[in-house]
C-alpha cells in the first residue's frame, strides 16, 4: 500500500499495480497513515473500474492489515488518557498524537481483496 499523486491511496493487487482506493473520509485517513505504508492489507468493497476499488464505509470495519498470517484491525490509542479511536491524529482529550495499534480479528470476511 502506498500513496499516489495528491494524497491518493494505491494498492498493488494480484498483478495489478497502482489500484486506486476510494472511500469515505475516515477510511481514507487510515489508509493514508504513513505508518501503514508498505503494510500488507485487505479491504472489503467493490470494483468501480479495473483500476479503482471502492472500500465499504468505515463503520463496517472494511480495512485490516496482515501480520504473522493473521488479520488485525487498525486502531489508535492515547496512552495518557486511555482513549481508543479509529482514525489517526491527536487525542480528543489531551491533544497528544495517538499511537497506531492492532487488534486481532477473527476469520476472513467475504468479497475482499488482498
Foldseek 3Di string as FASTA:
>chain_A
DAADPPLWAFDAFDPRGGQTEDEDPQVSQASSPPVCVPFAKKFAAADPDPRYTYGPHVVVQGMFTDDPNFTWRKWWADPVPGDIGRGWAADPPPRHGTDIDIDTDDDDDPRMTD
